[in-house]
């Protein structure tokens, strides 16, 4: 098992990438703290893991709140005595997020608070515990739009994911000698409830699909497999980088400098 004797905390674990990662990490031997704002969804994931003879506990948290992030890390230490893997996966994509003229300030603030501030707070409180646990891996969910923008305007989301990429690089450099690796996963368009609710018309979906060389939306399980690699010792010499899981979209449209 690739995560035997490891403790992993995954935010946004009630659905999508987080859910698939929680189930996969548990299958690979990790004790998983399932964190989500949606209590019902999060508990269902933890129950599913336990029913498959894995180890998991649910904790409700809003990652945009300082005290909630502190409590979720304290919960991990109290429950399992350590923390080796933090997957800052929670994120939002608001339906009213558009271009700079359409997007109101409150949508900008909400998106940045969850997607960027949530990563900052997760790292702020988890890094001391990971350090005390002997080191480990932090994985942050960014997006391909951090590199090329989005065909359908979503200015706050795009800016927040750019912030995640930059934050990942700086934190990786700071903590590299403490045996703490920090990387970002940058998914392309996925067949998840989050994206499909945003691309809520056939026109919007076709507009995205036409840009993807593989000709399909990705699956959350494909991103979870990448997260598992970054969480495991197989990626022991990888830090401060971003891994694109995007069906080739970035390669097709971003010209190297």
C-alpha atoms as a PDB file:
ATOM      1  CA  UNK A   1       0.000   0.000   0.000  1.00  0.00           C
ATOM      2  CA  UNK A   2       1.408   3.347  -1.057  1.00  0.00           C
ATOM      3  CA  UNK A   3       0.130   5.347   1.947  1.00  0.00           C
ATOM      4  CA  UNK A   4       0.414   2.781   4.719  1.00  0.00           C
ATOM      5  CA  UNK A   5       0.726   4.419   8.162  1.00  0.00           C
ATOM      6  CA  UNK A   6       0.074   7.880   6.714  1.00  0.00           C
ATOM      7  CA  UNK A   7      -2.554  10.374   7.859  1.00  0.00           C
ATOM      8  CA  UNK A   8      -4.163  12.489   5.146  1.00  0.00           C
ATOM      9  CA  UNK A   9      -6.495  15.469   5.428  1.00  0.00           C
ATOM     10  CA  UNK A  10      -8.508  16.279   2.313  1.00  0.00           C
ATOM     11  CA  UNK A  11     -10.676  19.378   1.997  1.00  0.00           C
ATOM     12  CA  UNK A  12     -13.661  19.445  -0.317  1.00  0.00           C
ATOM     13  CA  UNK A  13     -13.796  15.682   0.151  1.00  0.00           C
ATOM     14  CA  UNK A  14     -17.556  15.356  -0.077  1.00  0.00           C
ATOM     15  CA  UNK A  15     -17.651  15.258  -3.867  1.00  0.00           C
ATOM     16  CA  UNK A  16     -15.653  15.310  -7.089  1.00  0.00           C
ATOM     17  CA  UNK A  17     -11.861  15.151  -6.897  1.00  0.00           C
ATOM     18  CA  UNK A  18     -11.901  15.238  -3.098  1.00  0.00           C
ATOM     19  CA  UNK A  19     -14.262  12.293  -2.783  1.00  0.00           C
ATOM     20  CA  UNK A  20     -12.349  10.168  -5.280  1.00  0.00           C
ATOM     21  CA  UNK A  21      -9.073  11.025  -3.562  1.00  0.00           C
ATOM     22  CA  UNK A  22     -10.383  10.212  -0.089  1.00  0.00           C
ATOM     23  CA  UNK A  23     -11.592   6.781  -1.202  1.00  0.00           C
ATOM     24  CA  UNK A  24      -8.368   6.065  -3.118  1.00  0.00           C
ATOM     25  CA  UNK A  25      -6.066   7.244  -0.320  1.00  0.00           C
ATOM     26  CA  UNK A  26      -7.919   5.026   2.149  1.00  0.00           C
ATOM     27  CA  UNK A  27      -7.581   2.016  -0.175  1.00  0.00           C
ATOM     28  CA  UNK A  28      -3.861   2.699  -0.222  1.00  0.00           C
ATOM     29  CA  UNK A  29      -3.664   2.541   3.569  1.00  0.00           C
ATOM     30  CA  UNK A  30      -4.083   6.149   4.706  1.00  0.00           C
ATOM     31  CA  UNK A  31      -6.119   7.260   7.667  1.00  0.00           C
ATOM     32  CA  UNK A  32      -8.250   9.966   6.103  1.00  0.00           C
ATOM     33  CA  UNK A  33      -9.777  13.110   7.600  1.00  0.00           C
ATOM     34  CA  UNK A  34     -12.676  13.915   5.282  1.00  0.00           C
ATOM     35  CA  UNK A  35     -13.303  17.678   5.404  1.00  0.00           C
ATOM     36  CA  UNK A  36     -16.236  19.403   3.743  1.00  0.00           C
ATOM     37  CA  UNK A  37     -18.725  22.184   4.362  1.00  0.00           C
ATOM     38  CA  UNK A  38     -21.522  19.817   3.306  1.00  0.00           C
ATOM     39  CA  UNK A  39     -21.922  17.646   6.387  1.00  0.00           C
ATOM     40  CA  UNK A  40     -24.182  15.064   4.764  1.00  0.00           C
ATOM     41  CA  UNK A  41     -21.919  14.519   1.764  1.00  0.00           C
ATOM     42  CA  UNK A  42     -18.770  14.385   3.885  1.00  0.00           C
ATOM     43  CA  UNK A  43     -20.217  11.865   6.316  1.00  0.00           C
ATOM     44  CA  UNK A  44     -21.320   9.675   3.429  1.00  0.00           C
ATOM     45  CA  UNK A  45     -17.758   9.547   2.110  1.00  0.00           C
ATOM     46  CA  UNK A  46     -16.341   8.688   5.537  1.00  0.00           C
ATOM     47  CA  UNK A  47     -19.011   6.001   5.995  1.00  0.00           C
ATOM     48  CA  UNK A  48     -18.215   4.546   2.573  1.00  0.00           C
ATOM     49  CA  UNK A  49     -14.529   4.302   3.444  1.00  0.00           C
ATOM     50  CA  UNK A  50     -15.235   2.625   6.766  1.00  0.00           C
ATOM     51  CA  UNK A  51     -17.692   0.184   5.181  1.00  0.00           C
ATOM     52  CA  UNK A  52     -14.814  -0.898   2.909  1.00  0.00           C
ATOM     53  CA  UNK A  53     -12.683  -1.495   6.035  1.00  0.00           C
ATOM     54  CA  UNK A  54     -10.722   1.717   5.642  1.00  0.00           C
ATOM     55  CA  UNK A  55     -10.115   4.377   8.270  1.00  0.00           C
ATOM     56  CA  UNK A  56     -11.803   7.755   7.956  1.00  0.00           C
ATOM     57  CA  UNK A  57     -13.431  10.445  10.058  1.00  0.00           C
ATOM     58  CA  UNK A  58     -15.478  13.430   8.941  1.00  0.00           C
ATOM     59  CA  UNK A  59     -14.927  16.998  10.089  1.00  0.00           C
ATOM     60  CA  UNK A  60     -17.005  19.964   8.953  1.00  0.00           C
ATOM     61  CA  UNK A  61     -15.073  23.103   8.043  1.00  0.00           C
ATOM     62  CA  UNK A  62     -15.329  26.249   5.966  1.00  0.00           C
ATOM     63  CA  UNK A  63     -11.795  26.632   4.611  1.00  0.00           C
ATOM     64  CA  UNK A  64     -12.215  30.388   4.195  1.00  0.00           C
ATOM     65  CA  UNK A  65     -12.374  30.766   8.003  1.00  0.00           C
ATOM     66  CA  UNK A  66      -9.241  30.911  10.151  1.00  0.00           C
ATOM     67  CA  UNK A  67     -10.731  29.114  13.155  1.00  0.00           C
ATOM     68  CA  UNK A  68     -12.283  26.356  11.040  1.00  0.00           C
ATOM     69  CA  UNK A  69      -8.930  25.575   9.448  1.00  0.00           C
ATOM     70  CA  UNK A  70      -7.206  25.509  12.815  1.00  0.00           C
ATOM     71  CA  UNK A  71      -9.874  23.184  14.194  1.00  0.00           C
ATOM     72  CA  UNK A  72      -9.670  20.746  11.276  1.00  0.00           C
ATOM     73  CA  UNK A  73      -5.915  20.339  11.759  1.00  0.00           C
ATOM     74  CA  UNK A  74      -6.346  20.004  15.530  1.00  0.00           C
ATOM     75  CA  UNK A  75      -8.989  17.336  14.818  1.00  0.00           C
ATOM     76  CA  UNK A  76      -6.541  15.385  12.665  1.00  0.00           C
ATOM     77  CA  UNK A  77      -3.901  15.447  15.406  1.00  0.00           C
ATOM     78  CA  UNK A  78      -6.361  14.529  18.136  1.00  0.00           C
ATOM     79  CA  UNK A  79      -7.891  11.717  16.080  1.00  0.00           C
ATOM     80  CA  UNK A  80      -4.836  10.152  14.467  1.00  0.00           C
ATOM     81  CA  UNK A  81      -1.840  11.708  16.233  1.00  0.00           C
ATOM     82  CA  UNK A  82      -0.084  13.025  13.123  1.00  0.00           C
ATOM     83  CA  UNK A  83      -0.489  14.493   9.643  1.00  0.00           C
ATOM     84  CA  UNK A  84       1.563  13.517   6.610  1.00  0.00           C
ATOM     85  CA  UNK A  85      -0.575  14.581   3.656  1.00  0.00           C
ATOM     86  CA  UNK A  86      -2.644  17.724   3.209  1.00  0.00           C
ATOM     87  CA  UNK A  87      -4.733  17.987   0.061  1.00  0.00           C
ATOM     88  CA  UNK A  88      -6.056  21.548  -0.221  1.00  0.00           C
ATOM     89  CA  UNK A  89      -8.751  20.656  -2.705  1.00  0.00           C
ATOM     90  CA  UNK A  90     -11.822  22.662  -1.658  1.00  0.00           C
ATOM     91  CA  UNK A  91     -12.859  25.228  -4.223  1.00  0.00           C
ATOM     92  CA  UNK A  92     -15.801  27.031  -5.749  1.00  0.00           C
ATOM     93  CA  UNK A  93     -16.768  28.207  -9.213  1.00  0.00           C
ATOM     94  CA  UNK A  94     -19.591  30.733  -8.919  1.00  0.00           C
ATOM     95  CA  UNK A  95     -22.251  30.933 -11.625  1.00  0.00           C
ATOM     96  CA  UNK A  96     -22.108  34.737 -11.520  1.00  0.00           C
ATOM     97  CA  UNK A  97     -18.347  34.853 -12.065  1.00  0.00           C
ATOM     98  CA  UNK A  98     -17.821  36.421 -15.487  1.00  0.00           C
ATOM     99  CA  UNK A  99     -15.573  39.084 -16.943  1.00  0.00           C
ATOM    100  CA  UNK A 100     -14.300  42.169 -15.122  1.00  0.00           C
ATOM    101  CA  UNK A 101     -17.422  44.139 -16.016  1.00  0.00           C
ATOM    102  CA  UNK A 102     -19.979  41.520 -15.000  1.00  0.00           C
ATOM    103  CA  UNK A 103     -18.408  40.157 -11.823  1.00  0.00           C
ATOM    104  CA  UNK A 104     -19.409  41.978  -8.660  1.00  0.00           C
ATOM    105  CA  UNK A 105     -17.025  42.495  -5.776  1.00  0.00           C
ATOM    106  CA  UNK A 106     -18.778  40.051  -3.466  1.00  0.00           C
ATOM    107  CA  UNK A 107     -18.316  37.198  -5.980  1.00  0.00           C
ATOM    108  CA  UNK A 108     -14.638  38.099  -6.318  1.00  0.00           C
ATOM    109  CA  UNK A 109     -14.180  38.116  -2.529  1.00  0.00           C
ATOM    110  CA  UNK A 110     -16.036  34.852  -1.957  1.00  0.00           C
ATOM    111  CA  UNK A 111     -14.080  33.055  -4.671  1.00  0.00           C
ATOM    112  CA  UNK A 112     -10.704  34.318  -3.499  1.00  0.00           C
ATOM    113  CA  UNK A 113     -11.515  33.542   0.128  1.00  0.00           C
ATOM    114  CA  UNK A 114     -12.259  29.888  -0.598  1.00  0.00           C
ATOM    115  CA  UNK A 115      -9.882  29.106  -3.451  1.00  0.00           C
ATOM    116  CA  UNK A 116      -6.790  31.101  -2.447  1.00  0.00           C
ATOM    117  CA  UNK A 117      -7.172  32.040   1.208  1.00  0.00           C
ATOM    118  CA  UNK A 118      -8.353  28.506   1.960  1.00  0.00           C
ATOM    119  CA  UNK A 119      -5.063  27.107   0.637  1.00  0.00           C
ATOM    120  CA  UNK A 120      -3.095  29.674   2.650  1.00  0.00           C
ATOM    121  CA  UNK A 121      -4.950  28.829   5.867  1.00  0.00           C
ATOM    122  CA  UNK A 122      -4.667  25.092   5.289  1.00  0.00           C
ATOM    123  CA  UNK A 123      -0.909  25.408   4.927  1.00  0.00           C
ATOM    124  CA  UNK A 124      -0.633  27.867   7.813  1.00  0.00           C
ATOM    125  CA  UNK A 125      -2.077  25.416  10.324  1.00  0.00           C
ATOM    126  CA  UNK A 126      -1.041  22.081   8.804  1.00  0.00           C
ATOM    127  CA  UNK A 127       2.650  22.725   8.167  1.00  0.00           C
ATOM    128  CA  UNK A 128       3.648  22.747  11.877  1.00  0.00           C
ATOM    129  CA  UNK A 129       1.890  19.398  12.387  1.00  0.00           C
ATOM    130  CA  UNK A 130       3.387  17.889   9.227  1.00  0.00           C
ATOM    131  CA  UNK A 131       6.793  19.064  10.438  1.00  0.00           C
ATOM    132  CA  UNK A 132       6.229  17.404  13.833  1.00  0.00           C
ATOM    133  CA  UNK A 133       5.116  14.256  12.027  1.00  0.00           C
ATOM    134  CA  UNK A 134       8.448  13.972  10.230  1.00  0.00           C
ATOM    135  CA  UNK A 135       7.508  15.638   6.979  1.00  0.00           C
ATOM    136  CA  UNK A 136       5.155  14.872   4.161  1.00  0.00           C
ATOM    137  CA  UNK A 137       3.345  16.190   1.129  1.00  0.00           C
ATOM    138  CA  UNK A 138       0.991  19.107   0.505  1.00  0.00           C
ATOM    139  CA  UNK A 139      -1.070  19.094  -2.674  1.00  0.00           C
ATOM    140  CA  UNK A 140      -2.986  22.157  -3.822  1.00  0.00           C
ATOM    141  CA  UNK A 141      -5.707  22.086  -6.460  1.00  0.00           C
ATOM    142  CA  UNK A 142      -5.148  24.828  -9.019  1.00  0.00           C
ATOM    143  CA  UNK A 143      -6.376  24.715 -12.634  1.00  0.00           C
ATOM    144  CA  UNK A 144      -5.242  24.864 -16.241  1.00  0.00           C
ATOM    145  CA  UNK A 145      -6.851  28.326 -16.424  1.00  0.00           C
ATOM    146  CA  UNK A 146      -4.002  29.668 -14.294  1.00  0.00           C
ATOM    147  CA  UNK A 147      -1.839  29.326 -17.409  1.00  0.00           C
ATOM    148  CA  UNK A 148      -4.118  30.253 -20.271  1.00  0.00           C
ATOM    149  CA  UNK A 149      -7.349  31.799 -19.045  1.00  0.00           C
ATOM    150  CA  UNK A 150     -10.802  30.392 -19.703  1.00  0.00           C
ATOM    151  CA  UNK A 151     -12.815  30.345 -22.912  1.00  0.00           C
ATOM    152  CA  UNK A 152     -15.903  31.124 -20.854  1.00  0.00           C
ATOM    153  CA  UNK A 153     -15.020  34.182 -18.690  1.00  0.00           C
ATOM    154  CA  UNK A 154     -14.601  33.498 -14.960  1.00  0.00           C
ATOM    155  CA  UNK A 155     -12.188  36.168 -13.818  1.00  0.00           C
ATOM    156  CA  UNK A 156     -12.288  35.512 -10.068  1.00  0.00           C
ATOM    157  CA  UNK A 157     -11.825  31.764 -10.452  1.00  0.00           C
ATOM    158  CA  UNK A 158      -8.938  32.191 -12.892  1.00  0.00           C
ATOM    159  CA  UNK A 159      -7.193  34.735 -10.657  1.00  0.00           C
ATOM    160  CA  UNK A 160      -7.646  32.547  -7.577  1.00  0.00           C
ATOM    161  CA  UNK A 161      -6.065  29.548  -9.284  1.00  0.00           C
ATOM    162  CA  UNK A 162      -3.151  31.659 -10.473  1.00  0.00           C
ATOM    163  CA  UNK A 163      -2.635  32.619  -6.845  1.00  0.00           C
ATOM    164  CA  UNK A 164      -2.594  28.950  -5.835  1.00  0.00           C
ATOM    165  CA  UNK A 165       0.171  28.177  -8.350  1.00  0.00           C
ATOM    166  CA  UNK A 166       2.325  31.089  -7.149  1.00  0.00           C
ATOM    167  CA  UNK A 167       1.713  30.285  -3.486  1.00  0.00           C
ATOM    168  CA  UNK A 168       2.634  26.636  -4.085  1.00  0.00           C
ATOM    169  CA  UNK A 169       6.002  27.566  -5.550  1.00  0.00           C
ATOM    170  CA  UNK A 170       6.940  29.947  -2.759  1.00  0.00           C
ATOM    171  CA  UNK A 171       5.906  27.590   0.037  1.00  0.00           C
ATOM    172  CA  UNK A 172       7.752  24.708  -1.624  1.00  0.00           C
ATOM    173  CA  UNK A 173      11.000  26.673  -1.616  1.00  0.00           C
ATOM    174  CA  UNK A 174      10.546  27.785   1.988  1.00  0.00           C
ATOM    175  CA  UNK A 175       9.894  24.293   3.334  1.00  0.00           C
ATOM    176  CA  UNK A 176      11.998  22.136   0.999  1.00  0.00           C
ATOM    177  CA  UNK A 177      14.662  21.386   3.608  1.00  0.00           C
ATOM    178  CA  UNK A 178      12.066  20.346   6.190  1.00  0.00           C
ATOM    179  CA  UNK A 179      11.063  17.244   4.219  1.00  0.00           C
ATOM    180  CA  UNK A 180       7.803  18.918   3.230  1.00  0.00           C
ATOM    181  CA  UNK A 181       6.994  18.775  -0.465  1.00  0.00           C
ATOM    182  CA  UNK A 182       4.379  21.151  -1.909  1.00  0.00           C
ATOM    183  CA  UNK A 183       2.947  20.796  -5.402  1.00  0.00           C
ATOM    184  CA  UNK A 184      -0.091  21.869  -7.376  1.00  0.00           C
ATOM    185  CA  UNK A 185      -2.391  19.782  -9.538  1.00  0.00           C
ATOM    186  CA  UNK A 186      -3.915  21.704 -12.439  1.00  0.00           C
ATOM    187  CA  UNK A 187      -6.939  19.841 -13.784  1.00  0.00           C
ATOM    188  CA  UNK A 188      -8.455  20.587 -17.142  1.00  0.00           C
ATOM    189  CA  UNK A 189     -12.225  20.566 -17.654  1.00  0.00           C
ATOM    190  CA  UNK A 190     -13.709  17.656 -15.718  1.00  0.00           C
ATOM    191  CA  UNK A 191     -16.991  15.786 -15.787  1.00  0.00           C
ATOM    192  CA  UNK A 192     -17.819  16.905 -12.244  1.00  0.00           C
ATOM    193  CA  UNK A 193     -20.888  18.482 -10.725  1.00  0.00           C
ATOM    194  CA  UNK A 194     -18.915  21.676 -10.041  1.00  0.00           C
ATOM    195  CA  UNK A 195     -17.993  22.302 -13.666  1.00  0.00           C
ATOM    196  CA  UNK A 196     -21.134  20.878 -15.258  1.00  0.00           C
ATOM    197  CA  UNK A 197     -23.293  23.170 -13.140  1.00  0.00           C
ATOM    198  CA  UNK A 198     -21.237  26.091 -14.460  1.00  0.00           C
ATOM    199  CA  UNK A 199     -21.244  24.884 -18.052  1.00  0.00           C
ATOM    200  CA  UNK A 200     -25.001  24.551 -17.837  1.00  0.00           C
ATOM    201  CA  UNK A 201     -25.833  24.684 -21.537  1.00  0.00           C
ATOM    202  CA  UNK A 202     -24.775  22.552 -24.493  1.00  0.00           C
ATOM    203  CA  UNK A 203     -23.279  25.655 -26.083  1.00  0.00           C
ATOM    204  CA  UNK A 204     -20.988  26.264 -23.103  1.00  0.00           C
ATOM    205  CA  UNK A 205     -19.923  22.609 -22.968  1.00  0.00           C
ATOM    206  CA  UNK A 206     -19.144  22.464 -26.676  1.00  0.00           C
ATOM    207  CA  UNK A 207     -17.127  25.654 -26.338  1.00  0.00           C
ATOM    208  CA  UNK A 208     -14.895  23.921 -23.791  1.00  0.00           C
ATOM    209  CA  UNK A 209     -14.713  20.549 -25.557  1.00  0.00           C
ATOM    210  CA  UNK A 210     -13.536  22.014 -28.847  1.00  0.00           C
ATOM    211  CA  UNK A 211     -10.315  23.144 -27.121  1.00  0.00           C
ATOM    212  CA  UNK A 212      -9.420  19.742 -25.613  1.00  0.00           C
ATOM    213  CA  UNK A 213      -7.182  17.614 -27.876  1.00  0.00           C
ATOM    214  CA  UNK A 214      -8.408  14.379 -26.266  1.00  0.00           C
ATOM    215  CA  UNK A 215     -11.963  15.378 -27.136  1.00  0.00           C
ATOM    216  CA  UNK A 216     -13.548  14.636 -23.779  1.00  0.00           C
ATOM    217  CA  UNK A 217     -13.927  15.959 -20.264  1.00  0.00           C
ATOM    218  CA  UNK A 218     -11.648  14.393 -17.681  1.00  0.00           C
ATOM    219  CA  UNK A 219     -12.804  12.296 -14.742  1.00  0.00           C
ATOM    220  CA  UNK A 220     -12.264  13.102 -11.077  1.00  0.00           C
ATOM    221  CA  UNK A 221     -10.677   9.693 -10.549  1.00  0.00           C
ATOM    222  CA  UNK A 222      -7.928  10.622 -13.031  1.00  0.00           C
ATOM    223  CA  UNK A 223      -6.991  13.634 -10.937  1.00  0.00           C
ATOM    224  CA  UNK A 224      -7.200  11.557  -7.747  1.00  0.00           C
ATOM    225  CA  UNK A 225      -4.621   9.154  -9.200  1.00  0.00           C
ATOM    226  CA  UNK A 226      -2.263  12.091  -9.724  1.00  0.00           C
ATOM    227  CA  UNK A 227      -2.875  13.249  -6.149  1.00  0.00           C
ATOM    228  CA  UNK A 228      -2.006   9.770  -4.906  1.00  0.00           C
ATOM    229  CA  UNK A 229       1.299   9.912  -6.773  1.00  0.00           C
ATOM    230  CA  UNK A 230       2.128  13.277  -5.196  1.00  0.00           C
ATOM    231  CA  UNK A 231       1.087  12.049  -1.749  1.00  0.00           C
ATOM    232  CA  UNK A 232       3.265   8.939  -1.963  1.00  0.00           C
ATOM    233  CA  UNK A 233       7.017   8.492  -1.735  1.00  0.00           C
ATOM    234  CA  UNK A 234       7.077   7.815  -5.472  1.00  0.00           C
ATOM    235  CA  UNK A 235       7.227  11.596  -5.943  1.00  0.00           C
ATOM    236  CA  UNK A 236       9.917  12.114  -3.297  1.00  0.00           C
ATOM    237  CA  UNK A 237      12.051  14.413  -5.492  1.00  0.00           C
ATOM    238  CA  UNK A 238       9.184  16.541  -6.781  1.00  0.00           C
ATOM    239  CA  UNK A 239       8.350  19.861  -5.166  1.00  0.00           C
ATOM    240  CA  UNK A 240       7.391  23.364  -6.234  1.00  0.00           C
ATOM    241  CA  UNK A 241       5.856  22.287  -9.494  1.00  0.00           C
ATOM    242  CA  UNK A 242       2.473  22.046 -11.130  1.00  0.00           C
ATOM    243  CA  UNK A 243       1.192  18.922 -12.843  1.00  0.00           C
ATOM    244  CA  UNK A 244      -1.305  19.506 -15.628  1.00  0.00           C
ATOM    245  CA  UNK A 245      -4.028  16.870 -15.892  1.00  0.00           C
ATOM    246  CA  UNK A 246      -5.831  18.538 -18.761  1.00  0.00           C
ATOM    247  CA  UNK A 247      -6.222  16.256 -21.764  1.00  0.00           C
ATOM    248  CA  UNK A 248      -3.595  18.257 -23.645  1.00  0.00           C
ATOM    249  CA  UNK A 249      -5.447  21.562 -23.650  1.00  0.00           C
ATOM    250  CA  UNK A 250      -2.531  23.615 -22.327  1.00  0.00           C
ATOM    251  CA  UNK A 251      -0.034  22.049 -24.715  1.00  0.00           C
ATOM    252  CA  UNK A 252      -2.309  22.909 -27.625  1.00  0.00           C
ATOM    253  CA  UNK A 253      -2.832  26.559 -26.777  1.00  0.00           C
ATOM    254  CA  UNK A 254       0.093  27.847 -24.704  1.00  0.00           C
ATOM    255  CA  UNK A 255       3.226  28.702 -26.686  1.00  0.00           C
ATOM    256  CA  UNK A 256       6.509  28.194 -24.771  1.00  0.00           C
ATOM    257  CA  UNK A 257       8.534  31.343 -24.273  1.00  0.00           C
END
